[in-house]
Amino acid sequence: MKIVKPVINYAFQFESGYFFQMPLNHDSAPDYTWSILTEVTPLDGHASPVYFLDTLVLQQLVRIDANMGGAGGYRPGEGRYSVRGSWSMI
């Protein structure tokens, strides 16, 4: 998983996010669920962290030699933030 640094969009808002890529070389199964958790913590002041959770369910995963990826984003606003991300596949 890779965190994307903030950029200013055409509406003059900050946008940030993440993207990931994984190989699809696992054995066939009824379904898999990928969960992506992102923690965004403001560094200025005493604000609490905010958590974003994305899930992706694959109905039938067949063993192939290819990659699959996904991306997500958020608008953090002005300020300094600490961002951590993690993913899991069940």
N, C-alpha and C. Protein backbone atom coordinates (compact mmCIF):
# COMPACT_ATOMS: atom_id res chain seq x y z
N MET A 1 0.85 -1.17 0.00
CA MET A 1 0.00 0.00 0.00
C MET A 1 0.89 1.23 0.00
N LYS A 2 0.52 2.20 -0.79
CA LYS A 2 1.31 3.42 -0.90
C LYS A 2 0.40 4.62 -0.64
N ILE A 3 0.83 5.51 0.25
CA ILE A 3 0.09 6.72 0.58
C ILE A 3 0.41 7.79 -0.47
N VAL A 4 -0.61 8.50 -0.95
CA VAL A 4 -0.44 9.56 -1.94
C VAL A 4 -0.38 10.90 -1.20
N LYS A 5 0.64 11.69 -1.49
CA LYS A 5 0.80 13.00 -0.83
C LYS A 5 -0.31 13.95 -1.26
N PRO A 6 -0.68 14.90 -0.39
CA PRO A 6 -1.76 15.84 -0.72
C PRO A 6 -1.43 16.71 -1.93
N VAL A 7 -2.46 16.96 -2.72
CA VAL A 7 -2.37 17.88 -3.86
C VAL A 7 -3.61 18.77 -3.83
N ILE A 8 -3.53 19.91 -4.49
CA ILE A 8 -4.69 20.81 -4.56
C ILE A 8 -5.44 20.52 -5.86
N ASN A 9 -6.76 20.31 -5.75
CA ASN A 9 -7.57 20.02 -6.94
C ASN A 9 -8.06 21.32 -7.56
N TYR A 10 -8.89 21.20 -8.61
CA TYR A 10 -9.38 22.38 -9.32
C TYR A 10 -10.36 23.22 -8.49
N ALA A 11 -10.90 22.65 -7.41
CA ALA A 11 -11.78 23.41 -6.52
C ALA A 11 -10.99 24.01 -5.35
N PHE A 12 -9.65 23.98 -5.45
CA PHE A 12 -8.75 24.51 -4.43
C PHE A 12 -8.95 23.81 -3.08
N GLN A 13 -9.16 22.50 -3.12
CA GLN A 13 -9.24 21.67 -1.92
C GLN A 13 -8.08 20.69 -1.94
N PHE A 14 -7.55 20.37 -0.77
CA PHE A 14 -6.49 19.38 -0.69
C PHE A 14 -7.11 17.98 -0.82
N GLU A 15 -6.45 17.11 -1.58
CA GLU A 15 -6.87 15.72 -1.71
C GLU A 15 -5.66 14.84 -1.48
N SER A 16 -5.89 13.71 -0.84
CA SER A 16 -4.85 12.73 -0.60
C SER A 16 -5.49 11.36 -0.70
N GLY A 17 -4.70 10.32 -0.52
CA GLY A 17 -5.28 8.99 -0.60
C GLY A 17 -4.23 7.90 -0.58
N TYR A 18 -4.56 6.78 -1.21
CA TYR A 18 -3.68 5.62 -1.24
C TYR A 18 -3.97 4.82 -2.50
N PHE A 19 -3.04 3.94 -2.83
CA PHE A 19 -3.31 2.94 -3.85
C PHE A 19 -2.54 1.68 -3.48
N PHE A 20 -3.03 0.56 -3.97
CA PHE A 20 -2.36 -0.71 -3.69
C PHE A 20 -2.48 -1.61 -4.92
N GLN A 21 -1.59 -2.56 -4.99
CA GLN A 21 -1.60 -3.54 -6.06
C GLN A 21 -1.18 -4.88 -5.48
N MET A 22 -1.92 -5.93 -5.83
CA MET A 22 -1.65 -7.26 -5.31
C MET A 22 -1.70 -8.29 -6.43
N PRO A 23 -0.89 -9.34 -6.33
CA PRO A 23 -0.95 -10.39 -7.33
C PRO A 23 -2.20 -11.26 -7.13
N LEU A 24 -2.77 -11.74 -8.21
CA LEU A 24 -3.93 -12.64 -8.16
C LEU A 24 -3.47 -14.08 -8.36
N ASN A 25 -2.50 -14.49 -7.58
CA ASN A 25 -1.98 -15.84 -7.73
C ASN A 25 -2.36 -16.75 -6.56
N HIS A 26 -3.46 -16.43 -5.87
CA HIS A 26 -3.95 -17.27 -4.78
C HIS A 26 -4.86 -18.34 -5.35
N ASP A 27 -5.05 -19.40 -4.59
CA ASP A 27 -5.93 -20.48 -5.04
C ASP A 27 -7.36 -20.01 -5.11
N SER A 28 -8.15 -20.71 -5.89
CA SER A 28 -9.57 -20.40 -6.04
C SER A 28 -10.29 -20.58 -4.71
N ALA A 29 -11.23 -19.71 -4.42
CA ALA A 29 -11.99 -19.78 -3.18
C ALA A 29 -13.37 -19.18 -3.43
N PRO A 30 -14.36 -19.48 -2.56
CA PRO A 30 -15.70 -18.90 -2.75
C PRO A 30 -15.68 -17.38 -2.79
N ASP A 31 -14.97 -16.76 -1.90
CA ASP A 31 -14.83 -15.30 -1.94
C ASP A 31 -13.69 -14.87 -1.03
N TYR A 32 -13.13 -13.75 -1.36
CA TYR A 32 -12.10 -13.11 -0.56
C TYR A 32 -12.59 -11.71 -0.23
N THR A 33 -12.19 -11.20 0.93
CA THR A 33 -12.50 -9.82 1.30
C THR A 33 -11.19 -9.11 1.61
N TRP A 34 -10.94 -8.01 0.92
CA TRP A 34 -9.81 -7.16 1.21
C TRP A 34 -10.31 -6.00 2.05
N SER A 35 -9.61 -5.70 3.13
CA SER A 35 -9.94 -4.56 3.98
C SER A 35 -8.75 -3.61 4.01
N ILE A 36 -9.02 -2.35 3.78
CA ILE A 36 -7.98 -1.32 3.78
C ILE A 36 -8.33 -0.31 4.85
N LEU A 37 -7.46 -0.14 5.84
CA LEU A 37 -7.68 0.79 6.94
C LEU A 37 -6.66 1.91 6.85
N THR A 38 -7.14 3.15 6.87
CA THR A 38 -6.27 4.33 6.83
C THR A 38 -6.54 5.17 8.08
N GLU A 39 -5.47 5.53 8.78
CA GLU A 39 -5.57 6.37 9.98
C GLU A 39 -4.96 7.73 9.65
N VAL A 40 -5.74 8.80 9.82
CA VAL A 40 -5.27 10.16 9.57
C VAL A 40 -5.34 10.92 10.90
N THR A 41 -4.18 11.37 11.38
CA THR A 41 -4.10 12.06 12.67
C THR A 41 -3.56 13.47 12.47
N PRO A 42 -4.33 14.50 12.87
CA PRO A 42 -3.82 15.87 12.79
C PRO A 42 -2.63 16.05 13.75
N LEU A 43 -1.57 16.70 13.27
CA LEU A 43 -0.39 16.93 14.11
C LEU A 43 -0.48 18.25 14.87
N ASP A 44 -1.36 19.15 14.45
CA ASP A 44 -1.54 20.43 15.12
C ASP A 44 -2.72 20.32 16.09
N GLY A 45 -2.52 20.72 17.33
CA GLY A 45 -3.60 20.66 18.32
C GLY A 45 -3.71 19.28 18.94
N HIS A 46 -4.86 19.01 19.53
CA HIS A 46 -5.08 17.75 20.24
C HIS A 46 -6.23 16.97 19.65
N ALA A 47 -6.40 17.01 18.35
CA ALA A 47 -7.51 16.31 17.70
C ALA A 47 -7.25 14.81 17.67
N SER A 48 -8.32 14.05 17.69
CA SER A 48 -8.24 12.60 17.63
C SER A 48 -8.05 12.13 16.19
N PRO A 49 -7.48 10.93 16.01
CA PRO A 49 -7.34 10.41 14.65
C PRO A 49 -8.69 10.06 14.04
N VAL A 50 -8.73 10.07 12.72
CA VAL A 50 -9.92 9.68 11.96
C VAL A 50 -9.54 8.43 11.18
N TYR A 51 -10.46 7.45 11.14
CA TYR A 51 -10.19 6.19 10.47
C TYR A 51 -11.12 6.02 9.27
N PHE A 52 -10.54 5.56 8.15
CA PHE A 52 -11.30 5.25 6.96
C PHE A 52 -11.13 3.76 6.68
N LEU A 53 -12.24 3.08 6.43
CA LEU A 53 -12.20 1.65 6.15
C LEU A 53 -12.87 1.38 4.82
N ASP A 54 -12.15 0.76 3.91
CA ASP A 54 -12.69 0.34 2.62
C ASP A 54 -12.61 -1.18 2.55
N THR A 55 -13.62 -1.80 1.96
CA THR A 55 -13.60 -3.24 1.76
C THR A 55 -13.92 -3.55 0.31
N LEU A 56 -13.34 -4.61 -0.17
CA LEU A 56 -13.56 -5.09 -1.53
C LEU A 56 -13.77 -6.59 -1.46
N VAL A 57 -14.91 -7.06 -1.95
CA VAL A 57 -15.23 -8.49 -1.94
C VAL A 57 -15.12 -9.03 -3.35
N LEU A 58 -14.29 -10.06 -3.51
CA LEU A 58 -14.16 -10.75 -4.78
C LEU A 58 -14.97 -12.04 -4.70
N GLN A 59 -15.95 -12.21 -5.55
CA GLN A 59 -16.85 -13.35 -5.47
C GLN A 59 -16.15 -14.67 -5.76
N GLN A 60 -15.34 -14.74 -6.78
CA GLN A 60 -14.62 -15.95 -7.14
C GLN A 60 -13.24 -15.55 -7.61
N LEU A 61 -12.23 -15.94 -6.87
CA LEU A 61 -10.86 -15.60 -7.23
C LEU A 61 -10.22 -16.81 -7.87
N VAL A 62 -9.85 -16.69 -9.13
CA VAL A 62 -9.23 -17.78 -9.87
C VAL A 62 -7.74 -17.51 -9.97
N ARG A 63 -6.95 -18.56 -9.86
CA ARG A 63 -5.49 -18.41 -9.90
C ARG A 63 -5.05 -18.00 -11.31
N ILE A 64 -4.55 -16.78 -11.43
CA ILE A 64 -4.02 -16.29 -12.70
C ILE A 64 -2.75 -15.51 -12.42
N ASP A 65 -1.96 -15.30 -13.44
CA ASP A 65 -0.72 -14.55 -13.29
C ASP A 65 -0.95 -13.11 -13.70
N ALA A 66 -1.59 -12.34 -12.83
CA ALA A 66 -1.89 -10.94 -13.10
C ALA A 66 -1.97 -10.20 -11.77
N ASN A 67 -2.06 -8.89 -11.84
CA ASN A 67 -2.19 -8.05 -10.65
C ASN A 67 -3.54 -7.36 -10.64
N MET A 68 -3.99 -7.04 -9.44
CA MET A 68 -5.21 -6.26 -9.28
C MET A 68 -4.90 -5.15 -8.29
N GLY A 69 -5.48 -4.00 -8.53
CA GLY A 69 -5.21 -2.89 -7.64
C GLY A 69 -6.46 -2.10 -7.32
N GLY A 70 -6.31 -1.20 -6.41
CA GLY A 70 -7.41 -0.33 -6.02
C GLY A 70 -6.86 0.96 -5.47
N ALA A 71 -7.74 1.93 -5.30
CA ALA A 71 -7.33 3.23 -4.79
C ALA A 71 -8.48 3.85 -4.00
N GLY A 72 -8.16 4.76 -3.13
CA GLY A 72 -9.16 5.49 -2.35
C GLY A 72 -8.61 6.86 -2.03
N GLY A 73 -9.47 7.75 -1.64
CA GLY A 73 -9.02 9.09 -1.34
C GLY A 73 -9.87 9.80 -0.30
N TYR A 74 -9.38 10.93 0.15
CA TYR A 74 -10.07 11.75 1.15
C TYR A 74 -9.56 13.18 1.02
N ARG A 75 -10.26 14.12 1.63
CA ARG A 75 -9.88 15.53 1.62
C ARG A 75 -9.52 15.95 3.04
N PRO A 76 -8.24 16.04 3.36
CA PRO A 76 -7.85 16.31 4.74
C PRO A 76 -7.97 17.76 5.17
N GLY A 77 -8.03 18.72 4.28
CA GLY A 77 -8.06 20.12 4.69
C GLY A 77 -6.66 20.62 4.98
N GLU A 78 -6.57 21.87 5.37
CA GLU A 78 -5.26 22.46 5.64
C GLU A 78 -4.71 21.91 6.95
N GLY A 79 -3.40 21.88 7.05
CA GLY A 79 -2.76 21.42 8.28
C GLY A 79 -1.74 20.35 8.00
N ARG A 80 -1.18 19.82 9.08
CA ARG A 80 -0.20 18.75 8.99
C ARG A 80 -0.81 17.49 9.58
N TYR A 81 -0.57 16.35 8.93
CA TYR A 81 -1.19 15.10 9.34
C TYR A 81 -0.18 13.97 9.32
N SER A 82 -0.41 13.01 10.17
CA SER A 82 0.30 11.74 10.12
C SER A 82 -0.68 10.74 9.51
N VAL A 83 -0.23 9.99 8.50
CA VAL A 83 -1.11 9.03 7.83
C VAL A 83 -0.46 7.65 7.87
N ARG A 84 -1.24 6.67 8.32
CA ARG A 84 -0.78 5.28 8.33
C ARG A 84 -1.84 4.44 7.64
N GLY A 85 -1.41 3.44 6.94
CA GLY A 85 -2.34 2.56 6.26
C GLY A 85 -1.96 1.12 6.41
N SER A 86 -2.95 0.25 6.36
CA SER A 86 -2.70 -1.18 6.39
C SER A 86 -3.80 -1.90 5.63
N TRP A 87 -3.56 -3.11 5.23
CA TRP A 87 -4.55 -3.89 4.51
C TRP A 87 -4.49 -5.34 4.98
N SER A 88 -5.56 -6.05 4.77
CA SER A 88 -5.59 -7.47 5.06
C SER A 88 -6.51 -8.16 4.07
N MET A 89 -6.27 -9.42 3.84
CA MET A 89 -7.11 -10.22 2.96
C MET A 89 -7.61 -11.43 3.74
N ILE A 90 -8.91 -11.62 3.76
CA ILE A 90 -9.52 -12.71 4.51
C ILE A 90 -10.19 -13.66 3.54
